[in-house]
PDB file of N, CA and C in Angstrom:
ATOM      1  N   UNK A   1     -38.237 -13.330 -12.523  1.00  0.00           N
ATOM      2  CA  UNK A   1     -37.074 -13.750 -11.745  1.00  0.00           C
ATOM      3  C   UNK A   1     -37.439 -14.987 -10.954  1.00  0.00           C
ATOM      4  N   UNK A   2     -36.590 -15.966 -11.021  1.00  0.00           N
ATOM      5  CA  UNK A   2     -36.810 -17.201 -10.282  1.00  0.00           C
ATOM      6  C   UNK A   2     -36.261 -17.067  -8.867  1.00  0.00           C
ATOM      7  N   UNK A   3     -36.804 -17.841  -7.963  1.00  0.00           N
ATOM      8  CA  UNK A   3     -36.424 -17.758  -6.559  1.00  0.00           C
ATOM      9  C   UNK A   3     -34.952 -18.067  -6.322  1.00  0.00           C
ATOM     10  N   UNK A   4     -34.353 -18.901  -7.169  1.00  0.00           N
ATOM     11  CA  UNK A   4     -32.960 -19.272  -6.939  1.00  0.00           C
ATOM     12  C   UNK A   4     -31.955 -18.321  -7.593  1.00  0.00           C
ATOM     13  N   UNK A   5     -32.437 -17.317  -8.316  1.00  0.00           N
ATOM     14  CA  UNK A   5     -31.543 -16.350  -8.945  1.00  0.00           C
ATOM     15  C   UNK A   5     -31.197 -15.247  -7.960  1.00  0.00           C
ATOM     16  N   UNK A   6     -29.966 -14.814  -7.995  1.00  0.00           N
ATOM     17  CA  UNK A   6     -29.531 -13.719  -7.144  1.00  0.00           C
ATOM     18  C   UNK A   6     -29.821 -12.413  -7.858  1.00  0.00           C
ATOM     19  N   UNK A   7     -30.529 -11.546  -7.183  1.00  0.00           N
ATOM     20  CA  UNK A   7     -30.810 -10.236  -7.760  1.00  0.00           C
ATOM     21  C   UNK A   7     -29.723  -9.273  -7.311  1.00  0.00           C
ATOM     22  N   UNK A   8     -29.229  -8.489  -8.238  1.00  0.00           N
ATOM     23  CA  UNK A   8     -28.206  -7.505  -7.926  1.00  0.00           C
ATOM     24  C   UNK A   8     -28.836  -6.128  -7.999  1.00  0.00           C
ATOM     25  N   UNK A   9     -28.693  -5.369  -6.929  1.00  0.00           N
ATOM     26  CA  UNK A   9     -29.158  -3.990  -6.909  1.00  0.00           C
ATOM     27  C   UNK A   9     -28.090  -3.154  -7.605  1.00  0.00           C
ATOM     28  N   UNK A  10     -28.365  -2.737  -8.846  1.00  0.00           N
ATOM     29  CA  UNK A  10     -27.378  -2.006  -9.630  1.00  0.00           C
ATOM     30  C   UNK A  10     -26.924  -0.719  -8.968  1.00  0.00           C
ATOM     31  N   UNK A  11     -27.735  -0.127  -8.107  1.00  0.00           N
ATOM     32  CA  UNK A  11     -27.343   1.108  -7.448  1.00  0.00           C
ATOM     33  C   UNK A  11     -26.220   0.868  -6.445  1.00  0.00           C
ATOM     34  N   UNK A  12     -26.034  -0.368  -6.015  1.00  0.00           N
ATOM     35  CA  UNK A  12     -24.968  -0.685  -5.063  1.00  0.00           C
ATOM     36  C   UNK A  12     -23.688  -1.134  -5.759  1.00  0.00           C
ATOM     37  N   UNK A  13     -23.792  -1.587  -6.982  1.00  0.00           N
ATOM     38  CA  UNK A  13     -22.623  -2.036  -7.731  1.00  0.00           C
ATOM     39  C   UNK A  13     -21.941  -0.800  -8.295  1.00  0.00           C
ATOM     40  N   UNK A  14     -20.685  -0.609  -7.909  1.00  0.00           N
ATOM     41  CA  UNK A  14     -19.961   0.583  -8.343  1.00  0.00           C
ATOM     42  C   UNK A  14     -18.559   0.224  -8.785  1.00  0.00           C
ATOM     43  N   UNK A  15     -17.949   1.164  -9.468  1.00  0.00           N
ATOM     44  CA  UNK A  15     -16.566   0.990  -9.872  1.00  0.00           C
ATOM     45  C   UNK A  15     -16.374  -0.203 -10.785  1.00  0.00           C
ATOM     46  N   UNK A  16     -15.249  -0.857 -10.625  1.00  0.00           N
ATOM     47  CA  UNK A  16     -14.928  -1.995 -11.486  1.00  0.00           C
ATOM     48  C   UNK A  16     -15.816  -3.199 -11.203  1.00  0.00           C
ATOM     49  N   UNK A  17     -16.564  -3.177 -10.106  1.00  0.00           N
ATOM     50  CA  UNK A  17     -17.528  -4.250  -9.827  1.00  0.00           C
ATOM     51  C   UNK A  17     -18.640  -4.282 -10.872  1.00  0.00           C
ATOM     52  N   UNK A  18     -18.818  -3.187 -11.602  1.00  0.00           N
ATOM     53  CA  UNK A  18     -19.823  -3.138 -12.675  1.00  0.00           C
ATOM     54  C   UNK A  18     -19.445  -4.079 -13.822  1.00  0.00           C
ATOM     55  N   UNK A  19     -18.180  -4.482 -13.851  1.00  0.00           N
ATOM     56  CA  UNK A  19     -17.655  -5.318 -14.928  1.00  0.00           C
ATOM     57  C   UNK A  19     -17.773  -4.626 -16.282  1.00  0.00           C
ATOM     58  N   UNK A  20     -17.583  -3.309 -16.267  1.00  0.00           N
ATOM     59  CA  UNK A  20     -17.557  -2.512 -17.488  1.00  0.00           C
ATOM     60  C   UNK A  20     -16.133  -2.043 -17.728  1.00  0.00           C
ATOM     61  N   UNK A  21     -15.867  -1.619 -18.945  1.00  0.00           N
ATOM     62  CA  UNK A  21     -14.550  -1.109 -19.294  1.00  0.00           C
ATOM     63  C   UNK A  21     -14.528   0.401 -19.071  1.00  0.00           C
ATOM     64  N   UNK A  22     -13.472   0.882 -18.439  1.00  0.00           N
ATOM     65  CA  UNK A  22     -13.326   2.319 -18.224  1.00  0.00           C
ATOM     66  C   UNK A  22     -13.141   3.011 -19.569  1.00  0.00           C
ATOM     67  N   UNK A  23     -13.802   4.164 -19.735  1.00  0.00           N
ATOM     68  CA  UNK A  23     -13.684   4.932 -20.967  1.00  0.00           C
ATOM     69  C   UNK A  23     -12.714   6.087 -20.777  1.00  0.00           C
ATOM     70  N   UNK A  24     -12.943   6.879 -19.727  1.00  0.00           N
ATOM     71  CA  UNK A  24     -12.057   8.013 -19.469  1.00  0.00           C
ATOM     72  C   UNK A  24     -12.211   8.479 -18.032  1.00  0.00           C
ATOM     73  N   UNK A  25     -11.216   9.214 -17.583  1.00  0.00           N
ATOM     74  CA  UNK A  25     -11.255   9.833 -16.260  1.00  0.00           C
ATOM     75  C   UNK A  25     -11.701  11.270 -16.464  1.00  0.00           C
ATOM     76  N   UNK A  26     -12.768  11.649 -15.777  1.00  0.00           N
ATOM     77  CA  UNK A  26     -13.323  12.993 -15.919  1.00  0.00           C
ATOM     78  C   UNK A  26     -12.706  13.980 -14.938  1.00  0.00           C
ATOM     79  N   UNK A  27     -12.187  13.485 -13.828  1.00  0.00           N
ATOM     80  CA  UNK A  27     -11.596  14.365 -12.829  1.00  0.00           C
ATOM     81  C   UNK A  27     -10.997  13.554 -11.700  1.00  0.00           C
ATOM     82  N   UNK A  28     -10.447  14.270 -10.729  1.00  0.00           N
ATOM     83  CA  UNK A  28      -9.850  13.603  -9.575  1.00  0.00           C
ATOM     84  C   UNK A  28     -10.205  14.374  -8.317  1.00  0.00           C
ATOM     85  N   UNK A  29     -10.101  13.694  -7.180  1.00  0.00           N
ATOM     86  CA  UNK A  29     -10.413  14.317  -5.897  1.00  0.00           C
ATOM     87  C   UNK A  29      -9.614  13.627  -4.801  1.00  0.00           C
ATOM     88  N   UNK A  30      -9.462  14.341  -3.705  1.00  0.00           N
ATOM     89  CA  UNK A  30      -8.815  13.793  -2.520  1.00  0.00           C
ATOM     90  C   UNK A  30      -9.915  13.420  -1.538  1.00  0.00           C
ATOM     91  N   UNK A  31      -9.963  12.162  -1.158  1.00  0.00           N
ATOM     92  CA  UNK A  31     -10.954  11.685  -0.189  1.00  0.00           C
ATOM     93  C   UNK A  31     -10.209  11.252   1.071  1.00  0.00           C
ATOM     94  N   UNK A  32     -10.076  12.185   2.004  1.00  0.00           N
ATOM     95  CA  UNK A  32      -9.348  11.927   3.254  1.00  0.00           C
ATOM     96  C   UNK A  32      -7.943  11.392   3.005  1.00  0.00           C
ATOM     97  N   UNK A  33      -7.225  12.031   2.105  1.00  0.00           N
ATOM     98  CA  UNK A  33      -5.852  11.648   1.811  1.00  0.00           C
ATOM     99  C   UNK A  33      -5.705  10.552   0.774  1.00  0.00           C
ATOM    100  N   UNK A  34      -6.805  10.071   0.249  1.00  0.00           N
ATOM    101  CA  UNK A  34      -6.777   9.005  -0.754  1.00  0.00           C
ATOM    102  C   UNK A  34      -7.180   9.601  -2.106  1.00  0.00           C
ATOM    103  N   UNK A  35      -6.315   9.470  -3.107  1.00  0.00           N
ATOM    104  CA  UNK A  35      -6.602   9.994  -4.439  1.00  0.00           C
ATOM    105  C   UNK A  35      -7.665   9.134  -5.106  1.00  0.00           C
ATOM    106  N   UNK A  36      -8.699   9.799  -5.629  1.00  0.00           N
ATOM    107  CA  UNK A  36      -9.806   9.125  -6.300  1.00  0.00           C
ATOM    108  C   UNK A  36      -9.972   9.726  -7.691  1.00  0.00           C
ATOM    109  N   UNK A  37     -10.413   8.903  -8.642  1.00  0.00           N
ATOM    110  CA  UNK A  37     -10.721   9.365  -9.992  1.00  0.00           C
ATOM    111  C   UNK A  37     -12.209   9.193 -10.256  1.00  0.00           C
ATOM    112  N   UNK A  38     -12.784  10.154 -10.964  1.00  0.00           N
ATOM    113  CA  UNK A  38     -14.159  10.043 -11.437  1.00  0.00           C
ATOM    114  C   UNK A  38     -14.079   9.409 -12.824  1.00  0.00           C
ATOM    115  N   UNK A  39     -14.508   8.157 -12.919  1.00  0.00           N
ATOM    116  CA  UNK A  39     -14.372   7.389 -14.161  1.00  0.00           C
ATOM    117  C   UNK A  39     -15.719   7.224 -14.841  1.00  0.00           C
ATOM    118  N   UNK A  40     -15.716   7.473 -16.155  1.00  0.00           N
ATOM    119  CA  UNK A  40     -16.895   7.193 -16.977  1.00  0.00           C
ATOM    120  C   UNK A  40     -16.656   5.858 -17.664  1.00  0.00           C
ATOM    121  N   UNK A  41     -17.714   5.056 -17.746  1.00  0.00           N
ATOM    122  CA  UNK A  41     -17.624   3.701 -18.296  1.00  0.00           C
ATOM    123  C   UNK A  41     -18.050   3.691 -19.755  1.00  0.00           C
ATOM    124  N   UNK A  42     -17.369   2.889 -20.564  1.00  0.00           N
ATOM    125  CA  UNK A  42     -17.660   2.791 -22.000  1.00  0.00           C
ATOM    126  C   UNK A  42     -19.091   2.340 -22.241  1.00  0.00           C
ATOM    127  N   UNK A  43     -19.740   3.027 -23.194  1.00  0.00           N
ATOM    128  CA  UNK A  43     -21.075   2.635 -23.618  1.00  0.00           C
ATOM    129  C   UNK A  43     -22.190   3.007 -22.661  1.00  0.00           C
ATOM    130  N   UNK A  44     -21.875   3.768 -21.602  1.00  0.00           N
ATOM    131  CA  UNK A  44     -22.901   4.178 -20.641  1.00  0.00           C
ATOM    132  C   UNK A  44     -22.681   5.631 -20.246  1.00  0.00           C
ATOM    133  N   UNK A  45     -23.655   6.178 -19.553  1.00  0.00           N
ATOM    134  CA  UNK A  45     -23.504   7.503 -18.955  1.00  0.00           C
ATOM    135  C   UNK A  45     -23.054   7.390 -17.508  1.00  0.00           C
ATOM    136  N   UNK A  46     -22.884   6.165 -17.030  1.00  0.00           N
ATOM    137  CA  UNK A  46     -22.540   5.921 -15.632  1.00  0.00           C
ATOM    138  C   UNK A  46     -21.130   6.411 -15.313  1.00  0.00           C
ATOM    139  N   UNK A  47     -20.987   6.998 -14.126  1.00  0.00           N
ATOM    140  CA  UNK A  47     -19.688   7.420 -13.609  1.00  0.00           C
ATOM    141  C   UNK A  47     -19.573   6.976 -12.156  1.00  0.00           C
ATOM    142  N   UNK A  48     -18.350   6.709 -11.727  1.00  0.00           N
ATOM    143  CA  UNK A  48     -18.095   6.309 -10.345  1.00  0.00           C
ATOM    144  C   UNK A  48     -16.772   6.888  -9.885  1.00  0.00           C
ATOM    145  N   UNK A  49     -16.674   7.127  -8.575  1.00  0.00           N
ATOM    146  CA  UNK A  49     -15.397   7.464  -7.962  1.00  0.00           C
ATOM    147  C   UNK A  49     -14.677   6.146  -7.691  1.00  0.00           C
ATOM    148  N   UNK A  50     -13.438   6.059  -8.155  1.00  0.00           N
ATOM    149  CA  UNK A  50     -12.638   4.842  -8.025  1.00  0.00           C
ATOM    150  C   UNK A  50     -11.276   5.239  -7.462  1.00  0.00           C
ATOM    151  N   UNK A  51     -10.735   4.425  -6.580  1.00  0.00           N
ATOM    152  CA  UNK A  51      -9.425   4.744  -6.010  1.00  0.00           C
ATOM    153  C   UNK A  51      -8.363   4.731  -7.107  1.00  0.00           C
ATOM    154  N   UNK A  52      -7.418   5.657  -6.990  1.00  0.00           N
ATOM    155  CA  UNK A  52      -6.341   5.740  -7.968  1.00  0.00           C
ATOM    156  C   UNK A  52      -5.524   4.457  -7.983  1.00  0.00           C
ATOM    157  N   UNK A  53      -5.317   3.859  -6.819  1.00  0.00           N
ATOM    158  CA  UNK A  53      -4.512   2.633  -6.775  1.00  0.00           C
ATOM    159  C   UNK A  53      -5.163   1.509  -7.580  1.00  0.00           C
ATOM    160  N   UNK A  54      -6.483   1.426  -7.557  1.00  0.00           N
ATOM    161  CA  UNK A  54      -7.183   0.403  -8.338  1.00  0.00           C
ATOM    162  C   UNK A  54      -7.149   0.744  -9.831  1.00  0.00           C
ATOM    163  N   UNK A  55      -7.385   2.016 -10.158  1.00  0.00           N
ATOM    164  CA  UNK A  55      -7.368   2.439 -11.564  1.00  0.00           C
ATOM    165  C   UNK A  55      -5.979   2.275 -12.175  1.00  0.00           C
ATOM    166  N   UNK A  56      -4.931   2.544 -11.389  1.00  0.00           N
ATOM    167  CA  UNK A  56      -3.560   2.405 -11.894  1.00  0.00           C
ATOM    168  C   UNK A  56      -3.273   0.983 -12.354  1.00  0.00           C
ATOM    169  N   UNK A  57      -3.907   0.013 -11.713  1.00  0.00           N
ATOM    170  CA  UNK A  57      -3.706  -1.399 -12.059  1.00  0.00           C
ATOM    171  C   UNK A  57      -4.649  -1.838 -13.176  1.00  0.00           C
ATOM    172  N   UNK A  58      -5.908  -1.425 -13.093  1.00  0.00           N
ATOM    173  CA  UNK A  58      -6.932  -1.949 -14.010  1.00  0.00           C
ATOM    174  C   UNK A  58      -7.057  -1.185 -15.323  1.00  0.00           C
ATOM    175  N   UNK A  59      -6.638   0.076 -15.339  1.00  0.00           N
ATOM    176  CA  UNK A  59      -6.706   0.841 -16.599  1.00  0.00           C
ATOM    177  C   UNK A  59      -5.560   1.859 -16.662  1.00  0.00           C
ATOM    178  N   UNK A  60      -4.309   1.381 -16.636  1.00  0.00           N
ATOM    179  CA  UNK A  60      -3.162   2.291 -16.578  1.00  0.00           C
ATOM    180  C   UNK A  60      -3.071   3.262 -17.754  1.00  0.00           C
ATOM    181  N   UNK A  61      -3.440   2.842 -18.951  1.00  0.00           N
ATOM    182  CA  UNK A  61      -3.345   3.739 -20.104  1.00  0.00           C
ATOM    183  C   UNK A  61      -4.325   4.907 -19.994  1.00  0.00           C
ATOM    184  N   UNK A  62      -5.469   4.674 -19.389  1.00  0.00           N
ATOM    185  CA  UNK A  62      -6.447   5.747 -19.201  1.00  0.00           C
ATOM    186  C   UNK A  62      -5.937   6.736 -18.156  1.00  0.00           C
ATOM    187  N   UNK A  63      -5.279   6.240 -17.122  1.00  0.00           N
ATOM    188  CA  UNK A  63      -4.674   7.117 -16.110  1.00  0.00           C
ATOM    189  C   UNK A  63      -3.571   7.958 -16.751  1.00  0.00           C
ATOM    190  N   UNK A  64      -2.731   7.332 -17.554  1.00  0.00           N
ATOM    191  CA  UNK A  64      -1.657   8.062 -18.236  1.00  0.00           C
ATOM    192  C   UNK A  64      -2.240   9.147 -19.130  1.00  0.00           C
ATOM    193  N   UNK A  65      -3.275   8.812 -19.899  1.00  0.00           N
ATOM    194  CA  UNK A  65      -3.911   9.793 -20.789  1.00  0.00           C
ATOM    195  C   UNK A  65      -4.480  10.969 -19.995  1.00  0.00           C
ATOM    196  N   UNK A  66      -5.075  10.682 -18.832  1.00  0.00           N
ATOM    197  CA  UNK A  66      -5.632  11.730 -17.969  1.00  0.00           C
ATOM    198  C   UNK A  66      -4.549  12.750 -17.611  1.00  0.00           C
ATOM    199  N   UNK A  67      -3.382  12.279 -17.202  1.00  0.00           N
ATOM    200  CA  UNK A  67      -2.300  13.191 -16.831  1.00  0.00           C
ATOM    201  C   UNK A  67      -1.675  13.860 -18.047  1.00  0.00           C
ATOM    202  N   UNK A  68      -1.497  13.142 -19.135  1.00  0.00           N
ATOM    203  CA  UNK A  68      -0.928  13.742 -20.349  1.00  0.00           C
ATOM    204  C   UNK A  68      -1.781  14.900 -20.846  1.00  0.00           C
ATOM    205  N   UNK A  69      -3.092  14.775 -20.719  1.00  0.00           N
ATOM    206  CA  UNK A  69      -4.003  15.827 -21.174  1.00  0.00           C
ATOM    207  C   UNK A  69      -3.955  17.067 -20.289  1.00  0.00           C
ATOM    208  N   UNK A  70      -3.410  16.961 -19.084  1.00  0.00           N
ATOM    209  CA  UNK A  70      -3.451  18.058 -18.131  1.00  0.00           C
ATOM    210  C   UNK A  70      -2.106  18.700 -17.819  1.00  0.00           C
ATOM    211  N   UNK A  71      -1.026  18.037 -18.139  1.00  0.00           N
ATOM    212  CA  UNK A  71       0.296  18.585 -17.832  1.00  0.00           C
ATOM    213  C   UNK A  71       0.744  19.495 -18.967  1.00  0.00           C
ATOM    214  N   UNK A  72       1.229  20.667 -18.593  1.00  0.00           N
ATOM    215  CA  UNK A  72       1.787  21.610 -19.551  1.00  0.00           C
ATOM    216  C   UNK A  72       3.294  21.679 -19.312  1.00  0.00           C
ATOM    217  N   UNK A  73       4.062  21.539 -20.372  1.00  0.00           N
ATOM    218  CA  UNK A  73       5.516  21.577 -20.256  1.00  0.00           C
ATOM    219  C   UNK A  73       6.023  22.950 -20.667  1.00  0.00           C
ATOM    220  N   UNK A  74       7.032  23.434 -19.961  1.00  0.00           N
ATOM    221  CA  UNK A  74       7.610  24.744 -20.238  1.00  0.00           C
ATOM    222  C   UNK A  74       9.113  24.568 -20.437  1.00  0.00           C
ATOM    223  N   UNK A  75       9.625  25.131 -21.511  1.00  0.00           N
ATOM    224  CA  UNK A  75      11.064  25.026 -21.784  1.00  0.00           C
ATOM    225  C   UNK A  75      11.750  26.288 -21.255  1.00  0.00           C
ATOM    226  N   UNK A  76      12.769  26.076 -20.449  1.00  0.00           N
ATOM    227  CA  UNK A  76      13.637  27.166 -20.017  1.00  0.00           C
ATOM    228  C   UNK A  76      15.019  26.854 -20.561  1.00  0.00           C
ATOM    229  N   UNK A  77      15.968  27.694 -20.324  1.00  0.00           N
ATOM    230  CA  UNK A  77      17.309  27.469 -20.871  1.00  0.00           C
ATOM    231  C   UNK A  77      17.772  26.038 -20.662  1.00  0.00           C
ATOM    232  N   UNK A  78      17.803  25.297 -21.737  1.00  0.00           N
ATOM    233  CA  UNK A  78      18.348  23.941 -21.776  1.00  0.00           C
ATOM    234  C   UNK A  78      17.687  22.931 -20.845  1.00  0.00           C
ATOM    235  N   UNK A  79      16.522  23.214 -20.327  1.00  0.00           N
ATOM    236  CA  UNK A  79      15.826  22.182 -19.559  1.00  0.00           C
ATOM    237  C   UNK A  79      14.318  22.361 -19.696  1.00  0.00           C
ATOM    238  N   UNK A  80      13.637  21.278 -19.508  1.00  0.00           N
ATOM    239  CA  UNK A  80      12.182  21.278 -19.594  1.00  0.00           C
ATOM    240  C   UNK A  80      11.641  20.983 -18.202  1.00  0.00           C
ATOM    241  N   UNK A  81      10.679  21.790 -17.780  1.00  0.00           N
ATOM    242  CA  UNK A  81      10.075  21.593 -16.462  1.00  0.00           C
ATOM    243  C   UNK A  81       8.562  21.549 -16.604  1.00  0.00           C
ATOM    244  N   UNK A  82       7.916  20.925 -15.636  1.00  0.00           N
ATOM    245  CA  UNK A  82       6.456  20.928 -15.616  1.00  0.00           C
ATOM    246  C   UNK A  82       6.029  22.314 -15.185  1.00  0.00           C
ATOM    247  N   UNK A  83       5.235  22.967 -16.014  1.00  0.00           N
ATOM    248  CA  UNK A  83       4.790  24.322 -15.728  1.00  0.00           C
ATOM    249  C   UNK A  83       3.548  24.321 -14.859  1.00  0.00           C
ATOM    250  N   UNK A  84       2.604  23.474 -15.191  1.00  0.00           N
ATOM    251  CA  UNK A  84       1.351  23.512 -14.442  1.00  0.00           C
ATOM    252  C   UNK A  84       0.582  22.232 -14.643  1.00  0.00           C
ATOM    253  N   UNK A  85      -0.251  21.946 -13.692  1.00  0.00           N
ATOM    254  CA  UNK A  85      -1.157  20.797 -13.770  1.00  0.00           C
ATOM    255  C   UNK A  85      -2.542  21.347 -13.534  1.00  0.00           C
ATOM    256  N   UNK A  86      -3.392  21.240 -14.548  1.00  0.00           N
ATOM    257  CA  UNK A  86      -4.741  21.802 -14.396  1.00  0.00           C
ATOM    258  C   UNK A  86      -5.772  20.730 -14.262  1.00  0.00           C
TER     259      UNK A  86
END
């Protein structure tokens, strides 16, 4: 490493700052009223907690897939309602 190069401590770089593409959302959590997603990055084993508001903008299709995989629909007389979210 040359003296004029900036060294990046990879342990401090998290979330979309990694400049990696999100692969999937593994789970979600509430952090003091703020919805967070546990995101796994493509091509790595790395995971980070990322705010839902940031993920909604940067990887909306992955957020949609996360919810589609967890919502169960139930049909009652002439209407469909969300039965459960797991």
